[in-house]
Amino acid sequence: MASKTLSVTEDVYYLLAREKFKDESFSEVIKRLVKSRGKLIDCAGLWKNLTDDDIQEIKNQIKKLRESSKLSLKRRIGKI
């Protein structure tokens, strides 16, 4: 099989290495990640049966997660 050489930054290399299974090549990692990503159009209509209450609950949970993430980040960088 023909191959191509790709240049990636060091941080991308480590991100890929972290996703890599023990006996998996980097080509296999990239293929697996790209295939599993899916397409935005596949999501069309998935939430059409949600009630207004369901949507509000999702918004509330997102807000809580954002606040929690901000607080966690501030703690890690020493701003709290």
PDB file of N, CA and C in Angstrom:
ATOM      1  N   MET A   1       0.844  -1.171   0.000  1.00  0.00           N
ATOM      2  CA  MET A   1       0.000   0.000   0.000  1.00  0.00           C
ATOM      3  C   MET A   1       0.893   1.239   0.000  1.00  0.00           C
ATOM      4  N   ALA A   2       0.533   2.207  -0.811  1.00  0.00           N
ATOM      5  CA  ALA A   2       1.295   3.454  -0.869  1.00  0.00           C
ATOM      6  C   ALA A   2       1.118   4.227   0.420  1.00  0.00           C
ATOM      7  N   SER A   3       2.108   5.068   0.732  1.00  0.00           N
ATOM      8  CA  SER A   3       2.004   5.868   1.943  1.00  0.00           C
ATOM      9  C   SER A   3       2.395   7.305   1.643  1.00  0.00           C
ATOM     10  N   LYS A   4       1.955   8.202   2.506  1.00  0.00           N
ATOM     11  CA  LYS A   4       2.276   9.633   2.424  1.00  0.00           C
ATOM     12  C   LYS A   4       2.852  10.042   3.766  1.00  0.00           C
ATOM     13  N   THR A   5       3.709  11.009   3.738  1.00  0.00           N
ATOM     14  CA  THR A   5       4.275  11.539   4.972  1.00  0.00           C
ATOM     15  C   THR A   5       3.497  12.784   5.362  1.00  0.00           C
ATOM     16  N   LEU A   6       3.070  12.831   6.626  1.00  0.00           N
ATOM     17  CA  LEU A   6       2.345  13.990   7.155  1.00  0.00           C
ATOM     18  C   LEU A   6       3.177  14.633   8.245  1.00  0.00           C
ATOM     19  N   SER A   7       3.162  15.932   8.288  1.00  0.00           N
ATOM     20  CA  SER A   7       3.808  16.645   9.386  1.00  0.00           C
ATOM     21  C   SER A   7       2.716  17.114  10.337  1.00  0.00           C
ATOM     22  N   VAL A   8       2.908  16.837  11.613  1.00  0.00           N
ATOM     23  CA  VAL A   8       1.984  17.326  12.628  1.00  0.00           C
ATOM     24  C   VAL A   8       2.794  17.989  13.722  1.00  0.00           C
ATOM     25  N   THR A   9       2.177  18.921  14.400  1.00  0.00           N
ATOM     26  CA  THR A   9       2.865  19.570  15.505  1.00  0.00           C
ATOM     27  C   THR A   9       3.009  18.570  16.651  1.00  0.00           C
ATOM     28  N   GLU A  10       3.906  18.869  17.557  1.00  0.00           N
ATOM     29  CA  GLU A  10       4.183  17.951  18.651  1.00  0.00           C
ATOM     30  C   GLU A  10       2.941  17.708  19.521  1.00  0.00           C
ATOM     31  N   ASP A  11       2.152  18.759  19.736  1.00  0.00           N
ATOM     32  CA  ASP A  11       0.960  18.578  20.563  1.00  0.00           C
ATOM     33  C   ASP A  11      -0.050  17.647  19.887  1.00  0.00           C
ATOM     34  N   VAL A  12      -0.158  17.728  18.569  1.00  0.00           N
ATOM     35  CA  VAL A  12      -1.060  16.827  17.836  1.00  0.00           C
ATOM     36  C   VAL A  12      -0.538  15.399  17.895  1.00  0.00           C
ATOM     37  N   TYR A  13       0.756  15.243  17.779  1.00  0.00           N
ATOM     38  CA  TYR A  13       1.354  13.906  17.892  1.00  0.00           C
ATOM     39  C   TYR A  13       0.971  13.263  19.224  1.00  0.00           C
ATOM     40  N   TYR A  14       1.106  14.038  20.317  1.00  0.00           N
ATOM     41  CA  TYR A  14       0.788  13.486  21.639  1.00  0.00           C
ATOM     42  C   TYR A  14      -0.698  13.208  21.796  1.00  0.00           C
ATOM     43  N   LEU A  15      -1.538  14.026  21.172  1.00  0.00           N
ATOM     44  CA  LEU A  15      -2.981  13.753  21.195  1.00  0.00           C
ATOM     45  C   LEU A  15      -3.287  12.429  20.484  1.00  0.00           C
ATOM     46  N   LEU A  16      -2.661  12.223  19.336  1.00  0.00           N
ATOM     47  CA  LEU A  16      -2.855  10.965  18.606  1.00  0.00           C
ATOM     48  C   LEU A  16      -2.294   9.781  19.390  1.00  0.00           C
ATOM     49  N   ALA A  17      -1.130   9.975  19.971  1.00  0.00           N
ATOM     50  CA  ALA A  17      -0.504   8.894  20.743  1.00  0.00           C
ATOM     51  C   ALA A  17      -1.385   8.493  21.924  1.00  0.00           C
ATOM     52  N   ARG A  18      -2.046   9.473  22.527  1.00  0.00           N
ATOM     53  CA  ARG A  18      -2.937   9.191  23.652  1.00  0.00           C
ATOM     54  C   ARG A  18      -4.160   8.372  23.219  1.00  0.00           C
ATOM     55  N   GLU A  19      -4.603   8.555  21.967  1.00  0.00           N
ATOM     56  CA  GLU A  19      -5.759   7.829  21.437  1.00  0.00           C
ATOM     57  C   GLU A  19      -5.393   6.443  20.915  1.00  0.00           C
ATOM     58  N   LYS A  20      -4.113   6.218  20.720  1.00  0.00           N
ATOM     59  CA  LYS A  20      -3.618   4.999  20.075  1.00  0.00           C
ATOM     60  C   LYS A  20      -3.721   3.787  20.990  1.00  0.00           C
ATOM     61  N   PHE A  21      -4.267   2.691  20.444  1.00  0.00           N
ATOM     62  CA  PHE A  21      -4.276   1.424  21.166  1.00  0.00           C
ATOM     63  C   PHE A  21      -2.909   0.776  21.029  1.00  0.00           C
ATOM     64  N   LYS A  22      -2.628  -0.189  21.882  1.00  0.00           N
ATOM     65  CA  LYS A  22      -1.293  -0.794  21.966  1.00  0.00           C
ATOM     66  C   LYS A  22      -0.756  -1.274  20.610  1.00  0.00           C
ATOM     67  N   ASP A  23      -1.524  -2.051  19.873  1.00  0.00           N
ATOM     68  CA  ASP A  23      -1.048  -2.624  18.612  1.00  0.00           C
ATOM     69  C   ASP A  23      -1.575  -1.887  17.387  1.00  0.00           C
ATOM     70  N   GLU A  24      -1.937  -0.639  17.533  1.00  0.00           N
ATOM     71  CA  GLU A  24      -2.536   0.132  16.455  1.00  0.00           C
ATOM     72  C   GLU A  24      -1.506   1.092  15.864  1.00  0.00           C
ATOM     73  N   SER A  25      -1.526   1.230  14.548  1.00  0.00           N
ATOM     74  CA  SER A  25      -0.636   2.199  13.901  1.00  0.00           C
ATOM     75  C   SER A  25      -1.280   3.583  13.958  1.00  0.00           C
ATOM     76  N   PHE A  26      -0.486   4.615  13.718  1.00  0.00           N
ATOM     77  CA  PHE A  26      -1.044   5.962  13.693  1.00  0.00           C
ATOM     78  C   PHE A  26      -2.041   6.112  12.544  1.00  0.00           C
ATOM     79  N   SER A  27      -1.800   5.438  11.430  1.00  0.00           N
ATOM     80  CA  SER A  27      -2.763   5.470  10.319  1.00  0.00           C
ATOM     81  C   SER A  27      -4.105   4.907  10.765  1.00  0.00           C
ATOM     82  N   GLU A  28      -4.066   3.815  11.518  1.00  0.00           N
ATOM     83  CA  GLU A  28      -5.300   3.201  12.006  1.00  0.00           C
ATOM     84  C   GLU A  28      -6.011   4.108  13.012  1.00  0.00           C
ATOM     85  N   VAL A  29      -5.236   4.804  13.834  1.00  0.00           N
ATOM     86  CA  VAL A  29      -5.829   5.751  14.790  1.00  0.00           C
ATOM     87  C   VAL A  29      -6.583   6.844  14.045  1.00  0.00           C
ATOM     88  N   ILE A  30      -5.913   7.443  13.077  1.00  0.00           N
ATOM     89  CA  ILE A  30      -6.523   8.531  12.307  1.00  0.00           C
ATOM     90  C   ILE A  30      -7.777   8.037  11.597  1.00  0.00           C
ATOM     91  N   LYS A  31      -7.690   6.874  10.961  1.00  0.00           N
ATOM     92  CA  LYS A  31      -8.851   6.323  10.247  1.00  0.00           C
ATOM     93  C   LYS A  31     -10.014   6.091  11.200  1.00  0.00           C
ATOM     94  N   ARG A  32      -9.740   5.501  12.365  1.00  0.00           N
ATOM     95  CA  ARG A  32     -10.785   5.219  13.349  1.00  0.00           C
ATOM     96  C   ARG A  32     -11.436   6.507  13.829  1.00  0.00           C
ATOM     97  N   LEU A  33     -10.626   7.512  14.133  1.00  0.00           N
ATOM     98  CA  LEU A  33     -11.171   8.762  14.641  1.00  0.00           C
ATOM     99  C   LEU A  33     -11.990   9.501  13.589  1.00  0.00           C
ATOM    100  N   VAL A  34     -11.526   9.488  12.367  1.00  0.00           N
ATOM    101  CA  VAL A  34     -12.241  10.185  11.299  1.00  0.00           C
ATOM    102  C   VAL A  34     -13.555   9.477  10.987  1.00  0.00           C
ATOM    103  N   LYS A  35     -13.531   8.156  10.941  1.00  0.00           N
ATOM    104  CA  LYS A  35     -14.751   7.405  10.644  1.00  0.00           C
ATOM    105  C   LYS A  35     -15.788   7.543  11.746  1.00  0.00           C
ATOM    106  N   SER A  36     -15.349   7.582  12.998  1.00  0.00           N
ATOM    107  CA  SER A  36     -16.291   7.637  14.115  1.00  0.00           C
ATOM    108  C   SER A  36     -16.905   9.019  14.285  1.00  0.00           C
ATOM    109  N   ARG A  37     -16.318  10.012  13.660  1.00  0.00           N
ATOM    110  CA  ARG A  37     -16.772  11.386  13.813  1.00  0.00           C
ATOM    111  C   ARG A  37     -18.176  11.586  13.281  1.00  0.00           C
ATOM    112  N   GLY A  38     -18.522  10.957  12.183  1.00  0.00           N
ATOM    113  CA  GLY A  38     -19.845  11.123  11.610  1.00  0.00           C
ATOM    114  C   GLY A  38     -20.001  12.453  10.901  1.00  0.00           C
ATOM    115  N   LYS A  39     -21.185  12.698  10.420  1.00  0.00           N
ATOM    116  CA  LYS A  39     -21.479  13.929   9.693  1.00  0.00           C
ATOM    117  C   LYS A  39     -22.603  14.667  10.398  1.00  0.00           C
ATOM    118  N   LEU A  40     -22.558  15.972  10.331  1.00  0.00           N
ATOM    119  CA  LEU A  40     -23.558  16.799  10.980  1.00  0.00           C
ATOM    120  C   LEU A  40     -24.964  16.465  10.489  1.00  0.00           C
ATOM    121  N   ILE A  41     -25.117  16.185   9.232  1.00  0.00           N
ATOM    122  CA  ILE A  41     -26.430  15.886   8.664  1.00  0.00           C
ATOM    123  C   ILE A  41     -27.057  14.644   9.316  1.00  0.00           C
ATOM    124  N   ASP A  42     -26.225  13.745   9.826  1.00  0.00           N
ATOM    125  CA  ASP A  42     -26.742  12.554  10.499  1.00  0.00           C
ATOM    126  C   ASP A  42     -27.487  12.899  11.783  1.00  0.00           C
ATOM    127  N   CYS A  43     -27.262  14.091  12.303  1.00  0.00           N
ATOM    128  CA  CYS A  43     -27.908  14.517  13.552  1.00  0.00           C
ATOM    129  C   CYS A  43     -29.235  15.243  13.318  1.00  0.00           C
ATOM    130  N   ALA A  44     -29.516  15.574  12.069  1.00  0.00           N
ATOM    131  CA  ALA A  44     -30.731  16.327  11.759  1.00  0.00           C
ATOM    132  C   ALA A  44     -31.967  15.575  12.238  1.00  0.00           C
ATOM    133  N   GLY A  45     -32.791  16.253  13.011  1.00  0.00           N
ATOM    134  CA  GLY A  45     -34.047  15.689  13.470  1.00  0.00           C
ATOM    135  C   GLY A  45     -33.967  14.837  14.723  1.00  0.00           C
ATOM    136  N   LEU A  46     -32.781  14.645  15.276  1.00  0.00           N
ATOM    137  CA  LEU A  46     -32.645  13.776  16.441  1.00  0.00           C
ATOM    138  C   LEU A  46     -33.397  14.297  17.660  1.00  0.00           C
ATOM    139  N   TRP A  47     -33.544  15.601  17.772  1.00  0.00           N
ATOM    140  CA  TRP A  47     -34.168  16.187  18.953  1.00  0.00           C
ATOM    141  C   TRP A  47     -35.585  16.695  18.670  1.00  0.00           C
ATOM    142  N   LYS A  48     -36.179  16.287  17.574  1.00  0.00           N
ATOM    143  CA  LYS A  48     -37.481  16.848  17.183  1.00  0.00           C
ATOM    144  C   LYS A  48     -38.603  16.517  18.158  1.00  0.00           C
ATOM    145  N   ASN A  49     -38.460  15.457  18.939  1.00  0.00           N
ATOM    146  CA  ASN A  49     -39.526  15.060  19.867  1.00  0.00           C
ATOM    147  C   ASN A  49     -39.326  15.579  21.285  1.00  0.00           C
ATOM    148  N   LEU A  50     -38.325  16.420  21.493  1.00  0.00           N
ATOM    149  CA  LEU A  50     -38.087  16.964  22.824  1.00  0.00           C
ATOM    150  C   LEU A  50     -39.147  18.006  23.174  1.00  0.00           C
ATOM    151  N   THR A  51     -39.552  17.989  24.428  1.00  0.00           N
ATOM    152  CA  THR A  51     -40.503  18.993  24.904  1.00  0.00           C
ATOM    153  C   THR A  51     -39.746  20.259  25.277  1.00  0.00           C
ATOM    154  N   ASP A  52     -40.484  21.333  25.497  1.00  0.00           N
ATOM    155  CA  ASP A  52     -39.858  22.575  25.948  1.00  0.00           C
ATOM    156  C   ASP A  52     -39.152  22.366  27.289  1.00  0.00           C
ATOM    157  N   ASP A  53     -39.752  21.548  28.162  1.00  0.00           N
ATOM    158  CA  ASP A  53     -39.125  21.245  29.451  1.00  0.00           C
ATOM    159  C   ASP A  53     -37.815  20.481  29.268  1.00  0.00           C
ATOM    160  N   ASP A  54     -37.797  19.531  28.327  1.00  0.00           N
ATOM    161  CA  ASP A  54     -36.568  18.784  28.036  1.00  0.00           C
ATOM    162  C   ASP A  54     -35.460  19.735  27.579  1.00  0.00           C
ATOM    163  N   ILE A  55     -35.815  20.635  26.687  1.00  0.00           N
ATOM    164  CA  ILE A  55     -34.835  21.583  26.151  1.00  0.00           C
ATOM    165  C   ILE A  55     -34.303  22.486  27.257  1.00  0.00           C
ATOM    166  N   GLN A  56     -35.197  22.955  28.122  1.00  0.00           N
ATOM    167  CA  GLN A  56     -34.767  23.807  29.229  1.00  0.00           C
ATOM    168  C   GLN A  56     -33.835  23.050  30.167  1.00  0.00           C
ATOM    169  N   GLU A  57     -34.133  21.786  30.440  1.00  0.00           N
ATOM    170  CA  GLU A  57     -33.270  20.975  31.301  1.00  0.00           C
ATOM    171  C   GLU A  57     -31.887  20.791  30.675  1.00  0.00           C
ATOM    172  N   ILE A  58     -31.827  20.564  29.378  1.00  0.00           N
ATOM    173  CA  ILE A  58     -30.542  20.433  28.674  1.00  0.00           C
ATOM    174  C   ILE A  58     -29.753  21.737  28.808  1.00  0.00           C
ATOM    175  N   LYS A  59     -30.428  22.873  28.596  1.00  0.00           N
ATOM    176  CA  LYS A  59     -29.761  24.172  28.731  1.00  0.00           C
ATOM    177  C   LYS A  59     -29.227  24.373  30.148  1.00  0.00           C
ATOM    178  N   ASN A  60     -30.020  23.990  31.141  1.00  0.00           N
ATOM    179  CA  ASN A  60     -29.587  24.130  32.530  1.00  0.00           C
ATOM    180  C   ASN A  60     -28.351  23.274  32.819  1.00  0.00           C
ATOM    181  N   GLN A  61     -28.345  22.047  32.305  1.00  0.00           N
ATOM    182  CA  GLN A  61     -27.200  21.160  32.523  1.00  0.00           C
ATOM    183  C   GLN A  61     -25.948  21.687  31.833  1.00  0.00           C
ATOM    184  N   ILE A  62     -26.106  22.224  30.636  1.00  0.00           N
ATOM    185  CA  ILE A  62     -24.968  22.816  29.917  1.00  0.00           C
ATOM    186  C   ILE A  62     -24.403  23.981  30.712  1.00  0.00           C
ATOM    187  N   LYS A  63     -25.287  24.826  31.242  1.00  0.00           N
ATOM    188  CA  LYS A  63     -24.848  25.971  32.035  1.00  0.00           C
ATOM    189  C   LYS A  63     -24.075  25.511  33.269  1.00  0.00           C
ATOM    190  N   LYS A  64     -24.584  24.489  33.959  1.00  0.00           N
ATOM    191  CA  LYS A  64     -23.894  23.961  35.138  1.00  0.00           C
ATOM    192  C   LYS A  64     -22.514  23.414  34.777  1.00  0.00           C
ATOM    193  N   LEU A  65     -22.428  22.682  33.669  1.00  0.00           N
ATOM    194  CA  LEU A  65     -21.139  22.128  33.237  1.00  0.00           C
ATOM    195  C   LEU A  65     -20.149  23.225  32.891  1.00  0.00           C
ATOM    196  N   ARG A  66     -20.621  24.268  32.224  1.00  0.00           N
ATOM    197  CA  ARG A  66     -19.732  25.384  31.881  1.00  0.00           C
ATOM    198  C   ARG A  66     -19.207  26.055  33.131  1.00  0.00           C
ATOM    199  N   GLU A  67     -20.089  26.311  34.093  1.00  0.00           N
ATOM    200  CA  GLU A  67     -19.672  26.952  35.336  1.00  0.00           C
ATOM    201  C   GLU A  67     -18.676  26.081  36.089  1.00  0.00           C
ATOM    202  N   SER A  68     -18.941  24.799  36.141  1.00  0.00           N
ATOM    203  CA  SER A  68     -18.042  23.861  36.807  1.00  0.00           C
ATOM    204  C   SER A  68     -16.678  23.816  36.114  1.00  0.00           C
ATOM    205  N   SER A  69     -16.688  23.815  34.792  1.00  0.00           N
ATOM    206  CA  SER A  69     -15.434  23.791  34.029  1.00  0.00           C
ATOM    207  C   SER A  69     -14.620  25.056  34.257  1.00  0.00           C
ATOM    208  N   LYS A  70     -15.298  26.207  34.266  1.00  0.00           N
ATOM    209  CA  LYS A  70     -14.600  27.476  34.512  1.00  0.00           C
ATOM    210  C   LYS A  70     -13.973  27.480  35.895  1.00  0.00           C
ATOM    211  N   LEU A  71     -14.722  27.038  36.887  1.00  0.00           N
ATOM    212  CA  LEU A  71     -14.214  27.003  38.255  1.00  0.00           C
ATOM    213  C   LEU A  71     -13.015  26.067  38.362  1.00  0.00           C
ATOM    214  N   SER A  72     -13.109  24.897  37.749  1.00  0.00           N
ATOM    215  CA  SER A  72     -12.013  23.943  37.765  1.00  0.00           C
ATOM    216  C   SER A  72     -10.764  24.520  37.115  1.00  0.00           C
ATOM    217  N   LEU A  73     -10.941  25.171  35.981  1.00  0.00           N
ATOM    218  CA  LEU A  73      -9.802  25.775  35.286  1.00  0.00           C
ATOM    219  C   LEU A  73      -9.166  26.882  36.127  1.00  0.00           C
ATOM    220  N   LYS A  74     -10.005  27.717  36.737  1.00  0.00           N
ATOM    221  CA  LYS A  74      -9.460  28.786  37.582  1.00  0.00           C
ATOM    222  C   LYS A  74      -8.658  28.208  38.746  1.00  0.00           C
ATOM    223  N   ARG A  75      -9.133  27.125  39.319  1.00  0.00           N
ATOM    224  CA  ARG A  75      -8.395  26.481  40.417  1.00  0.00           C
ATOM    225  C   ARG A  75      -7.048  25.951  39.927  1.00  0.00           C
ATOM    226  N   ARG A  76      -7.061  25.342  38.733  1.00  0.00           N
ATOM    227  CA  ARG A  76      -5.816  24.744  38.222  1.00  0.00           C
ATOM    228  C   ARG A  76      -4.777  25.791  37.867  1.00  0.00           C
ATOM    229  N   ILE A  77      -5.221  26.962  37.434  1.00  0.00           N
ATOM    230  CA  ILE A  77      -4.244  27.991  37.057  1.00  0.00           C
ATOM    231  C   ILE A  77      -3.956  28.947  38.203  1.00  0.00           C
ATOM    232  N   GLY A  78      -4.548  28.659  39.368  1.00  0.00           N
ATOM    233  CA  GLY A  78      -4.237  29.428  40.546  1.00  0.00           C
ATOM    234  C   GLY A  78      -4.935  30.757  40.679  1.00  0.00           C
ATOM    235  N   LYS A  79      -6.057  30.923  40.032  1.00  0.00           N
ATOM    236  CA  LYS A  79      -6.789  32.194  40.134  1.00  0.00           C
ATOM    237  C   LYS A  79      -7.826  32.149  41.258  1.00  0.00           C
ATOM    238  N   ILE A  80      -7.905  31.038  41.959  1.00  0.00           N
ATOM    239  CA  ILE A  80      -8.826  30.926  43.104  1.00  0.00           C
ATOM    240  C   ILE A  80      -8.030  30.383  44.281  1.00  0.00           C
TER     241      ILE A  80
END
